[in-house]
mmCIF file of all heavy atoms, coordinates in Angstrom:
data_MODEL
# 
_entry.id   MODEL 
# 
loop_
_atom_site.group_PDB 
_atom_site.id 
_atom_site.type_symbol 
_atom_site.label_atom_id 
_atom_site.label_alt_id 
_atom_site.label_comp_id 
_atom_site.label_asym_id 
_atom_site.label_entity_id 
_atom_site.label_seq_id 
_atom_site.pdbx_PDB_ins_code 
_atom_site.Cartn_x 
_atom_site.Cartn_y 
_atom_site.Cartn_z 
_atom_site.occupancy 
_atom_site.B_iso_or_equiv 
_atom_site.pdbx_formal_charge 
_atom_site.auth_seq_id 
_atom_site.auth_comp_id 
_atom_site.auth_asym_id 
_atom_site.auth_atom_id 
_atom_site.pdbx_PDB_model_num 
ATOM 1   N N   . SER A 1 1  ? -55.066 36.464 107.681 1.00 0.00 ? 1  SER A N   1 
ATOM 2   C CA  . SER A 1 1  ? -55.730 37.643 108.244 1.00 0.00 ? 1  SER A CA  1 
ATOM 3   C C   . SER A 1 1  ? -54.878 38.356 109.189 1.00 0.00 ? 1  SER A C   1 
ATOM 4   O O   . SER A 1 1  ? -54.710 39.611 109.031 1.00 0.00 ? 1  SER A O   1 
ATOM 5   C CB  . SER A 1 1  ? -57.027 37.235 108.860 1.00 0.00 ? 1  SER A CB  1 
ATOM 6   O OG  . SER A 1 1  ? -58.079 37.239 107.992 1.00 0.00 ? 1  SER A OG  1 
ATOM 7   N N   . ILE A 1 2  ? -54.187 37.610 110.035 1.00 0.00 ? 2  ILE A N   1 
ATOM 8   C CA  . ILE A 1 2  ? -53.276 38.263 111.102 1.00 0.00 ? 2  ILE A CA  1 
ATOM 9   C C   . ILE A 1 2  ? -52.357 37.146 111.488 1.00 0.00 ? 2  ILE A C   1 
ATOM 10  O O   . ILE A 1 2  ? -52.709 35.985 111.609 1.00 0.00 ? 2  ILE A O   1 
ATOM 11  C CB  . ILE A 1 2  ? -54.046 38.886 112.243 1.00 0.00 ? 2  ILE A CB  1 
ATOM 12  C CG1 . ILE A 1 2  ? -53.092 39.802 113.084 1.00 0.00 ? 2  ILE A CG1 1 
ATOM 13  C CG2 . ILE A 1 2  ? -54.584 37.869 113.142 1.00 0.00 ? 2  ILE A CG2 1 
ATOM 14  C CD1 . ILE A 1 2  ? -53.314 41.181 112.702 1.00 0.00 ? 2  ILE A CD1 1 
ATOM 15  N N   . GLY A 1 3  ? -51.122 37.486 111.672 1.00 0.00 ? 3  GLY A N   1 
ATOM 16  C CA  . GLY A 1 3  ? -50.078 36.456 112.104 1.00 0.00 ? 3  GLY A CA  1 
ATOM 17  C C   . GLY A 1 3  ? -48.847 37.207 112.383 1.00 0.00 ? 3  GLY A C   1 
ATOM 18  O O   . GLY A 1 3  ? -48.795 38.512 112.339 1.00 0.00 ? 3  GLY A O   1 
ATOM 19  N N   . PRO A 1 4  ? -47.723 36.451 112.760 1.00 0.00 ? 4  PRO A N   1 
ATOM 20  C CA  . PRO A 1 4  ? -46.469 37.091 113.103 1.00 0.00 ? 4  PRO A CA  1 
ATOM 21  C C   . PRO A 1 4  ? -45.924 38.087 112.074 1.00 0.00 ? 4  PRO A C   1 
ATOM 22  O O   . PRO A 1 4  ? -45.431 39.169 112.335 1.00 0.00 ? 4  PRO A O   1 
ATOM 23  C CB  . PRO A 1 4  ? -45.553 35.960 113.300 1.00 0.00 ? 4  PRO A CB  1 
ATOM 24  C CG  . PRO A 1 4  ? -46.458 34.770 113.579 1.00 0.00 ? 4  PRO A CG  1 
ATOM 25  C CD  . PRO A 1 4  ? -47.723 35.033 112.828 1.00 0.00 ? 4  PRO A CD  1 
ATOM 26  N N   . TRP A 1 5  ? -46.100 37.723 110.764 1.00 0.00 ? 5  TRP A N   1 
ATOM 27  C CA  . TRP A 1 5  ? -45.654 38.549 109.683 1.00 0.00 ? 5  TRP A CA  1 
ATOM 28  C C   . TRP A 1 5  ? -46.438 40.003 109.703 1.00 0.00 ? 5  TRP A C   1 
ATOM 29  O O   . TRP A 1 5  ? -45.769 40.997 109.667 1.00 0.00 ? 5  TRP A O   1 
ATOM 30  C CB  . TRP A 1 5  ? -45.919 37.907 108.423 1.00 0.00 ? 5  TRP A CB  1 
ATOM 31  C CG  . TRP A 1 5  ? -45.427 38.743 107.163 1.00 0.00 ? 5  TRP A CG  1 
ATOM 32  C CD1 . TRP A 1 5  ? -44.231 38.852 106.669 1.00 0.00 ? 5  TRP A CD1 1 
ATOM 33  C CD2 . TRP A 1 5  ? -46.246 39.402 106.274 1.00 0.00 ? 5  TRP A CD2 1 
ATOM 34  N NE1 . TRP A 1 5  ? -44.149 39.506 105.577 1.00 0.00 ? 5  TRP A NE1 1 
ATOM 35  C CE2 . TRP A 1 5  ? -45.521 39.915 105.204 1.00 0.00 ? 5  TRP A CE2 1 
ATOM 36  C CE3 . TRP A 1 5  ? -47.701 39.718 106.172 1.00 0.00 ? 5  TRP A CE3 1 
ATOM 37  C CZ2 . TRP A 1 5  ? -45.854 40.772 104.186 1.00 0.00 ? 5  TRP A CZ2 1 
ATOM 38  C CZ3 . TRP A 1 5  ? -48.190 40.526 105.136 1.00 0.00 ? 5  TRP A CZ3 1 
ATOM 39  C CH2 . TRP A 1 5  ? -47.246 41.018 104.117 1.00 0.00 ? 5  TRP A CH2 1 
ATOM 40  N N   . HIS A 1 6  ? -47.730 39.892 109.905 1.00 0.00 ? 6  HIS A N   1 
ATOM 41  C CA  . HIS A 1 6  ? -48.485 41.118 109.972 1.00 0.00 ? 6  HIS A CA  1 
ATOM 42  C C   . HIS A 1 6  ? -48.132 41.951 111.209 1.00 0.00 ? 6  HIS A C   1 
ATOM 43  O O   . HIS A 1 6  ? -48.064 43.221 111.150 1.00 0.00 ? 6  HIS A O   1 
ATOM 44  C CB  . HIS A 1 6  ? -49.984 40.798 110.114 1.00 0.00 ? 6  HIS A CB  1 
ATOM 45  C CG  . HIS A 1 6  ? -50.597 40.133 108.887 1.00 0.00 ? 6  HIS A CG  1 
ATOM 46  N ND1 . HIS A 1 6  ? -50.556 38.750 108.827 1.00 0.00 ? 6  HIS A ND1 1 
ATOM 47  C CD2 . HIS A 1 6  ? -51.148 40.570 107.841 1.00 0.00 ? 6  HIS A CD2 1 
ATOM 48  C CE1 . HIS A 1 6  ? -51.180 38.420 107.656 1.00 0.00 ? 6  HIS A CE1 1 
ATOM 49  N NE2 . HIS A 1 6  ? -51.532 39.477 107.060 1.00 0.00 ? 6  HIS A NE2 1 
ATOM 50  N N   . ILE A 1 7  ? -47.975 41.319 112.269 1.00 0.00 ? 7  ILE A N   1 
ATOM 51  C CA  . ILE A 1 7  ? -47.774 41.999 113.619 1.00 0.00 ? 7  ILE A CA  1 
ATOM 52  C C   . ILE A 1 7  ? -46.435 42.800 113.552 1.00 0.00 ? 7  ILE A C   1 
ATOM 53  O O   . ILE A 1 7  ? -46.381 43.931 114.025 1.00 0.00 ? 7  ILE A O   1 
ATOM 54  C CB  . ILE A 1 7  ? -47.857 40.997 114.794 1.00 0.00 ? 7  ILE A CB  1 
ATOM 55  C CG1 . ILE A 1 7  ? -49.327 40.556 114.936 1.00 0.00 ? 7  ILE A CG1 1 
ATOM 56  C CG2 . ILE A 1 7  ? -47.367 41.696 116.117 1.00 0.00 ? 7  ILE A CG2 1 
ATOM 57  C CD1 . ILE A 1 7  ? -49.488 39.363 115.822 1.00 0.00 ? 7  ILE A CD1 1 
ATOM 58  N N   . ILE A 1 8  ? -45.410 42.241 112.992 1.00 0.00 ? 8  ILE A N   1 
ATOM 59  C CA  . ILE A 1 8  ? -44.071 42.816 112.953 1.00 0.00 ? 8  ILE A CA  1 
ATOM 60  C C   . ILE A 1 8  ? -44.186 44.097 112.074 1.00 0.00 ? 8  ILE A C   1 
ATOM 61  O O   . ILE A 1 8  ? -43.780 45.139 112.429 1.00 0.00 ? 8  ILE A O   1 
ATOM 62  C CB  . ILE A 1 8  ? -42.965 41.911 112.372 1.00 0.00 ? 8  ILE A CB  1 
ATOM 63  C CG1 . ILE A 1 8  ? -42.638 40.802 113.355 1.00 0.00 ? 8  ILE A CG1 1 
ATOM 64  C CG2 . ILE A 1 8  ? -41.738 42.588 111.920 1.00 0.00 ? 8  ILE A CG2 1 
ATOM 65  C CD1 . ILE A 1 8  ? -41.820 39.632 112.861 1.00 0.00 ? 8  ILE A CD1 1 
ATOM 66  N N   . ILE A 1 9  ? -44.869 44.030 111.013 1.00 0.00 ? 9  ILE A N   1 
ATOM 67  C CA  . ILE A 1 9  ? -45.092 45.134 110.001 1.00 0.00 ? 9  ILE A CA  1 
ATOM 68  C C   . ILE A 1 9  ? -45.929 46.190 110.699 1.00 0.00 ? 9  ILE A C   1 
ATOM 69  O O   . ILE A 1 9  ? -45.651 47.381 110.713 1.00 0.00 ? 9  ILE A O   1 
ATOM 70  C CB  . ILE A 1 9  ? -45.635 44.697 108.670 1.00 0.00 ? 9  ILE A CB  1 
ATOM 71  C CG1 . ILE A 1 9  ? -44.634 43.820 107.959 1.00 0.00 ? 9  ILE A CG1 1 
ATOM 72  C CG2 . ILE A 1 9  ? -46.015 45.869 107.869 1.00 0.00 ? 9  ILE A CG2 1 
ATOM 73  C CD1 . ILE A 1 9  ? -45.197 43.039 106.816 1.00 0.00 ? 9  ILE A CD1 1 
ATOM 74  N N   . ALA A 1 10 ? -47.059 45.764 111.299 1.00 0.00 ? 10 ALA A N   1 
ATOM 75  C CA  . ALA A 1 10 ? -47.917 46.760 112.011 1.00 0.00 ? 10 ALA A CA  1 
ATOM 76  C C   . ALA A 1 10 ? -47.302 47.498 113.126 1.00 0.00 ? 10 ALA A C   1 
ATOM 77  O O   . ALA A 1 10 ? -47.365 48.704 113.187 1.00 0.00 ? 10 ALA A O   1 
ATOM 78  C CB  . ALA A 1 10 ? -49.162 45.963 112.473 1.00 0.00 ? 10 ALA A CB  1 
ATOM 79  N N   . VAL A 1 11 ? -46.523 46.800 113.944 1.00 0.00 ? 11 VAL A N   1 
ATOM 80  C CA  . VAL A 1 11 ? -45.797 47.452 114.982 1.00 0.00 ? 11 VAL A CA  1 
ATOM 81  C C   . VAL A 1 11 ? -44.800 48.476 114.545 1.00 0.00 ? 11 VAL A C   1 
ATOM 82  O O   . VAL A 1 11 ? -44.656 49.629 114.944 1.00 0.00 ? 11 VAL A O   1 
ATOM 83  C CB  . VAL A 1 11 ? -45.172 46.448 115.920 1.00 0.00 ? 11 VAL A CB  1 
ATOM 84  C CG1 . VAL A 1 11 ? -44.178 47.164 116.963 1.00 0.00 ? 11 VAL A CG1 1 
ATOM 85  C CG2 . VAL A 1 11 ? -46.203 45.648 116.713 1.00 0.00 ? 11 VAL A CG2 1 
ATOM 86  N N   . ALA A 1 12 ? -44.045 48.007 113.430 1.00 0.00 ? 12 ALA A N   1 
ATOM 87  C CA  . ALA A 1 12 ? -43.065 48.872 112.814 1.00 0.00 ? 12 ALA A CA  1 
ATOM 88  C C   . ALA A 1 12 ? -43.612 50.088 112.238 1.00 0.00 ? 12 ALA A C   1 
ATOM 89  O O   . ALA A 1 12 ? -43.207 51.225 112.612 1.00 0.00 ? 12 ALA A O   1 
ATOM 90  C CB  . ALA A 1 12 ? -42.238 48.113 111.805 1.00 0.00 ? 12 ALA A CB  1 
ATOM 91  N N   . ILE A 1 13 ? -44.638 49.930 111.418 1.00 0.00 ? 13 ILE A N   1 
ATOM 92  C CA  . ILE A 1 13 ? -45.127 51.160 110.726 1.00 0.00 ? 13 ILE A CA  1 
ATOM 93  C C   . ILE A 1 13 ? -45.916 52.079 111.665 1.00 0.00 ? 13 ILE A C   1 
ATOM 94  O O   . ILE A 1 13 ? -46.104 53.274 111.471 1.00 0.00 ? 13 ILE A O   1 
ATOM 95  C CB  . ILE A 1 13 ? -45.878 50.927 109.421 1.00 0.00 ? 13 ILE A CB  1 
ATOM 96  C CG1 . ILE A 1 13 ? -47.079 49.889 109.607 1.00 0.00 ? 13 ILE A CG1 1 
ATOM 97  C CG2 . ILE A 1 13 ? -44.974 50.537 108.297 1.00 0.00 ? 13 ILE A CG2 1 
ATOM 98  C CD1 . ILE A 1 13 ? -47.875 49.763 108.372 1.00 0.00 ? 13 ILE A CD1 1 
ATOM 99  N N   . SER A 1 14 ? -46.433 51.523 112.770 1.00 0.00 ? 14 SER A N   1 
ATOM 100 C CA  . SER A 1 14 ? -47.198 52.358 113.767 1.00 0.00 ? 14 SER A CA  1 
ATOM 101 C C   . SER A 1 14 ? -46.147 53.338 114.459 1.00 0.00 ? 14 SER A C   1 
ATOM 102 O O   . SER A 1 14 ? -46.632 54.446 114.894 1.00 0.00 ? 14 SER A O   1 
ATOM 103 C CB  . SER A 1 14 ? -47.863 51.539 114.727 1.00 0.00 ? 14 SER A CB  1 
ATOM 104 O OG  . SER A 1 14 ? -46.950 50.940 115.663 1.00 0.00 ? 14 SER A OG  1 
ATOM 105 N N   . LEU A 1 15 ? -44.930 53.133 114.477 1.00 0.00 ? 15 LEU A N   1 
ATOM 106 C CA  . LEU A 1 15 ? -43.953 54.010 115.038 1.00 0.00 ? 15 LEU A CA  1 
ATOM 107 C C   . LEU A 1 15 ? -43.820 55.306 114.300 1.00 0.00 ? 15 LEU A C   1 
ATOM 108 O O   . LEU A 1 15 ? -43.518 56.321 114.917 1.00 0.00 ? 15 LEU A O   1 
ATOM 109 C CB  . LEU A 1 15 ? -42.543 53.312 114.979 1.00 0.00 ? 15 LEU A CB  1 
ATOM 110 C CG  . LEU A 1 15 ? -42.446 51.998 115.861 1.00 0.00 ? 15 LEU A CG  1 
ATOM 111 C CD1 . LEU A 1 15 ? -40.988 51.540 115.776 1.00 0.00 ? 15 LEU A CD1 1 
ATOM 112 C CD2 . LEU A 1 15 ? -42.804 52.210 117.297 1.00 0.00 ? 15 LEU A CD2 1 
ATOM 113 N N   . VAL A 1 16 ? -44.403 55.407 113.103 1.00 0.00 ? 16 VAL A N   1 
ATOM 114 C CA  . VAL A 1 16 ? -44.401 56.704 112.418 1.00 0.00 ? 16 VAL A CA  1 
ATOM 115 C C   . VAL A 1 16 ? -45.257 57.741 113.069 1.00 0.00 ? 16 VAL A C   1 
ATOM 116 O O   . VAL A 1 16 ? -45.091 58.915 112.978 1.00 0.00 ? 16 VAL A O   1 
ATOM 117 C CB  . VAL A 1 16 ? -44.768 56.662 110.922 1.00 0.00 ? 16 VAL A CB  1 
ATOM 118 C CG1 . VAL A 1 16 ? -43.940 55.701 110.043 1.00 0.00 ? 16 VAL A CG1 1 
ATOM 119 C CG2 . VAL A 1 16 ? -46.272 56.309 110.719 1.00 0.00 ? 16 VAL A CG2 1 
ATOM 120 N N   . LYS A 1 17 ? -46.159 57.147 113.875 1.00 0.00 ? 17 LYS A N   1 
ATOM 121 C CA  . LYS A 1 17 ? -47.175 58.030 114.623 1.00 0.00 ? 17 LYS A CA  1 
ATOM 122 C C   . LYS A 1 17 ? -46.536 58.820 115.687 1.00 0.00 ? 17 LYS A C   1 
ATOM 123 O O   . LYS A 1 17 ? -47.170 59.782 116.174 1.00 0.00 ? 17 LYS A O   1 
ATOM 124 C CB  . LYS A 1 17 ? -48.364 57.229 115.060 1.00 0.00 ? 17 LYS A CB  1 
ATOM 125 C CG  . LYS A 1 17 ? -49.231 56.525 113.963 1.00 0.00 ? 17 LYS A CG  1 
ATOM 126 C CD  . LYS A 1 17 ? -49.968 57.459 113.117 1.00 0.00 ? 17 LYS A CD  1 
ATOM 127 C CE  . LYS A 1 17 ? -51.312 57.697 113.712 1.00 0.00 ? 17 LYS A CE  1 
ATOM 128 N NZ  . LYS A 1 17 ? -52.135 58.539 112.849 1.00 0.00 ? 17 LYS A NZ  1 
ATOM 129 N N   . PHE A 1 18 ? -45.359 58.377 116.177 1.00 0.00 ? 18 PHE A N   1 
ATOM 130 C CA  . PHE A 1 18 ? -44.690 59.189 117.215 1.00 0.00 ? 18 PHE A CA  1 
ATOM 131 C C   . PHE A 1 18 ? -44.295 60.587 116.749 1.00 0.00 ? 18 PHE A C   1 
ATOM 132 O O   . PHE A 1 18 ? -44.752 61.584 117.174 1.00 0.00 ? 18 PHE A O   1 
ATOM 133 C CB  . PHE A 1 18 ? -43.480 58.409 117.867 1.00 0.00 ? 18 PHE A CB  1 
ATOM 134 C CG  . PHE A 1 18 ? -43.842 57.342 118.816 1.00 0.00 ? 18 PHE A CG  1 
ATOM 135 C CD1 . PHE A 1 18 ? -43.727 56.002 118.475 1.00 0.00 ? 18 PHE A CD1 1 
ATOM 136 C CD2 . PHE A 1 18 ? -44.335 57.738 120.078 1.00 0.00 ? 18 PHE A CD2 1 
ATOM 137 C CE1 . PHE A 1 18 ? -44.139 55.017 119.430 1.00 0.00 ? 18 PHE A CE1 1 
ATOM 138 C CE2 . PHE A 1 18 ? -44.646 56.771 121.062 1.00 0.00 ? 18 PHE A CE2 1 
ATOM 139 C CZ  . PHE A 1 18 ? -44.587 55.450 120.662 1.00 0.00 ? 18 PHE A CZ  1 
ATOM 140 N N   . PRO A 1 19 ? -43.507 60.604 115.562 1.00 0.00 ? 19 PRO A N   1 
ATOM 141 C CA  . PRO A 1 19 ? -43.181 61.933 115.014 1.00 0.00 ? 19 PRO A CA  1 
ATOM 142 C C   . PRO A 1 19 ? -44.436 62.716 114.536 1.00 0.00 ? 19 PRO A C   1 
ATOM 143 O O   . PRO A 1 19 ? -44.376 63.913 114.625 1.00 0.00 ? 19 PRO A O   1 
ATOM 144 C CB  . PRO A 1 19 ? -42.312 61.566 113.877 1.00 0.00 ? 19 PRO A CB  1 
ATOM 145 C CG  . PRO A 1 19 ? -41.774 60.228 113.998 1.00 0.00 ? 19 PRO A CG  1 
ATOM 146 C CD  . PRO A 1 19 ? -42.779 59.550 114.922 1.00 0.00 ? 19 PRO A CD  1 
ATOM 147 N N   . VAL A 1 20 ? -45.388 62.015 114.039 1.00 0.00 ? 20 VAL A N   1 
ATOM 148 C CA  . VAL A 1 20 ? -46.662 62.650 113.679 1.00 0.00 ? 20 VAL A CA  1 
ATOM 149 C C   . VAL A 1 20 ? -47.176 63.476 114.812 1.00 0.00 ? 20 VAL A C   1 
ATOM 150 O O   . VAL A 1 20 ? -47.579 64.686 114.710 1.00 0.00 ? 20 VAL A O   1 
ATOM 151 C CB  . VAL A 1 20 ? -47.745 61.711 113.189 1.00 0.00 ? 20 VAL A CB  1 
ATOM 152 C CG1 . VAL A 1 20 ? -49.075 62.265 112.994 1.00 0.00 ? 20 VAL A CG1 1 
ATOM 153 C CG2 . VAL A 1 20 ? -47.326 61.138 111.879 1.00 0.00 ? 20 VAL A CG2 1 
ATOM 154 N N   . ALA A 1 21 ? -47.307 62.829 115.975 1.00 0.00 ? 21 ALA A N   1 
ATOM 155 C CA  . ALA A 1 21 ? -47.835 63.588 117.269 1.00 0.00 ? 21 ALA A CA  1 
ATOM 156 C C   . ALA A 1 21 ? -46.955 64.658 117.634 1.00 0.00 ? 21 ALA A C   1 
ATOM 157 O O   . ALA A 1 21 ? -47.353 65.791 117.914 1.00 0.00 ? 21 ALA A O   1 
ATOM 158 C CB  . ALA A 1 21 ? -48.046 62.556 118.351 1.00 0.00 ? 21 ALA A CB  1 
ATOM 159 N N   . TRP A 1 22 ? -45.561 64.382 117.715 1.00 0.00 ? 22 TRP A N   1 
ATOM 160 C CA  . TRP A 1 22 ? -44.651 65.366 118.119 1.00 0.00 ? 22 TRP A CA  1 
ATOM 161 C C   . TRP A 1 22 ? -44.732 66.682 117.254 1.00 0.00 ? 22 TRP A C   1 
ATOM 162 O O   . TRP A 1 22 ? -44.715 67.760 117.712 1.00 0.00 ? 22 TRP A O   1 
ATOM 163 C CB  . TRP A 1 22 ? -43.202 64.815 118.049 1.00 0.00 ? 22 TRP A CB  1 
ATOM 164 C CG  . TRP A 1 22 ? -43.016 63.726 119.000 1.00 0.00 ? 22 TRP A CG  1 
ATOM 165 C CD1 . TRP A 1 22 ? -43.690 63.411 120.179 1.00 0.00 ? 22 TRP A CD1 1 
ATOM 166 C CD2 . TRP A 1 22 ? -42.016 62.668 118.906 1.00 0.00 ? 22 TRP A CD2 1 
ATOM 167 N NE1 . TRP A 1 22 ? -43.199 62.306 120.821 1.00 0.00 ? 22 TRP A NE1 1 
ATOM 168 C CE2 . TRP A 1 22 ? -42.130 61.747 120.083 1.00 0.00 ? 22 TRP A CE2 1 
ATOM 169 C CE3 . TRP A 1 22 ? -41.069 62.334 118.018 1.00 0.00 ? 22 TRP A CE3 1 
ATOM 170 C CZ2 . TRP A 1 22 ? -41.458 60.660 120.263 1.00 0.00 ? 22 TRP A CZ2 1 
ATOM 171 C CZ3 . TRP A 1 22 ? -40.292 61.203 118.218 1.00 0.00 ? 22 TRP A CZ3 1 
ATOM 172 C CH2 . TRP A 1 22 ? -40.446 60.408 119.328 1.00 0.00 ? 22 TRP A CH2 1 
ATOM 173 N N   . HIS A 1 23 ? -44.700 66.468 115.960 1.00 0.00 ? 23 HIS A N   1 
ATOM 174 C CA  . HIS A 1 23 ? -44.735 67.632 115.037 1.00 0.00 ? 23 HIS A CA  1 
ATOM 175 C C   . HIS A 1 23 ? -46.057 68.315 115.014 1.00 0.00 ? 23 HIS A C   1 
ATOM 176 O O   . HIS A 1 23 ? -46.085 69.624 114.974 1.00 0.00 ? 23 HIS A O   1 
ATOM 177 C CB  . HIS A 1 23 ? -44.297 67.206 113.645 1.00 0.00 ? 23 HIS A CB  1 
ATOM 178 C CG  . HIS A 1 23 ? -42.868 66.864 113.523 1.00 0.00 ? 23 HIS A CG  1 
ATOM 179 N ND1 . HIS A 1 23 ? -41.859 67.854 113.577 1.00 0.00 ? 23 HIS A ND1 1 
ATOM 180 C CD2 . HIS A 1 23 ? -42.222 65.716 113.335 1.00 0.00 ? 23 HIS A CD2 1 
ATOM 181 C CE1 . HIS A 1 23 ? -40.680 67.291 113.415 1.00 0.00 ? 23 HIS A CE1 1 
ATOM 182 N NE2 . HIS A 1 23 ? -40.889 65.979 113.228 1.00 0.00 ? 23 HIS A NE2 1 
ATOM 183 N N   . GLN A 1 24 ? -47.141 67.586 114.905 1.00 0.00 ? 24 GLN A N   1 
ATOM 184 C CA  . GLN A 1 24 ? -48.510 68.234 114.745 1.00 0.00 ? 24 GLN A CA  1 
ATOM 185 C C   . GLN A 1 24 ? -48.847 68.966 116.000 1.00 0.00 ? 24 GLN A C   1 
ATOM 186 O O   . GLN A 1 24 ? -49.574 69.984 116.006 1.00 0.00 ? 24 GLN A O   1 
ATOM 187 C CB  . GLN A 1 24 ? -49.562 67.250 114.545 1.00 0.00 ? 24 GLN A CB  1 
ATOM 188 C CG  . GLN A 1 24 ? -49.641 66.713 113.063 1.00 0.00 ? 24 GLN A CG  1 
ATOM 189 C CD  . GLN A 1 24 ? -50.897 66.009 112.798 1.00 0.00 ? 24 GLN A CD  1 
ATOM 190 O OE1 . GLN A 1 24 ? -51.540 65.380 113.640 1.00 0.00 ? 24 GLN A OE1 1 
ATOM 191 N NE2 . GLN A 1 24 ? -51.325 66.018 111.632 1.00 0.00 ? 24 GLN A NE2 1 
ATOM 192 N N   . LEU A 1 25 ? -48.467 68.536 117.215 1.00 0.00 ? 25 LEU A N   1 
ATOM 193 C CA  . LEU A 1 25 ? -48.852 69.144 118.472 1.00 0.00 ? 25 LEU A CA  1 
ATOM 194 C C   . LEU A 1 25 ? -47.743 70.010 119.125 1.00 0.00 ? 25 LEU A C   1 
ATOM 195 O O   . LEU A 1 25 ? -47.781 70.344 120.376 1.00 0.00 ? 25 LEU A O   1 
ATOM 196 C CB  . LEU A 1 25 ? -49.276 67.992 119.488 1.00 0.00 ? 25 LEU A CB  1 
ATOM 197 C CG  . LEU A 1 25 ? -50.515 67.177 118.933 1.00 0.00 ? 25 LEU A CG  1 
ATOM 198 C CD1 . LEU A 1 25 ? -50.665 65.898 119.712 1.00 0.00 ? 25 LEU A CD1 1 
ATOM 199 C CD2 . LEU A 1 25 ? -51.780 67.932 118.906 1.00 0.00 ? 25 LEU A CD2 1 
# 
């Protein structure tokens, strides 16, 4: 359900939200 493998991927792909905020706002 959740583990080190999930957390690494989740943290990595959540970084796309920085440019999303920068560009949208």
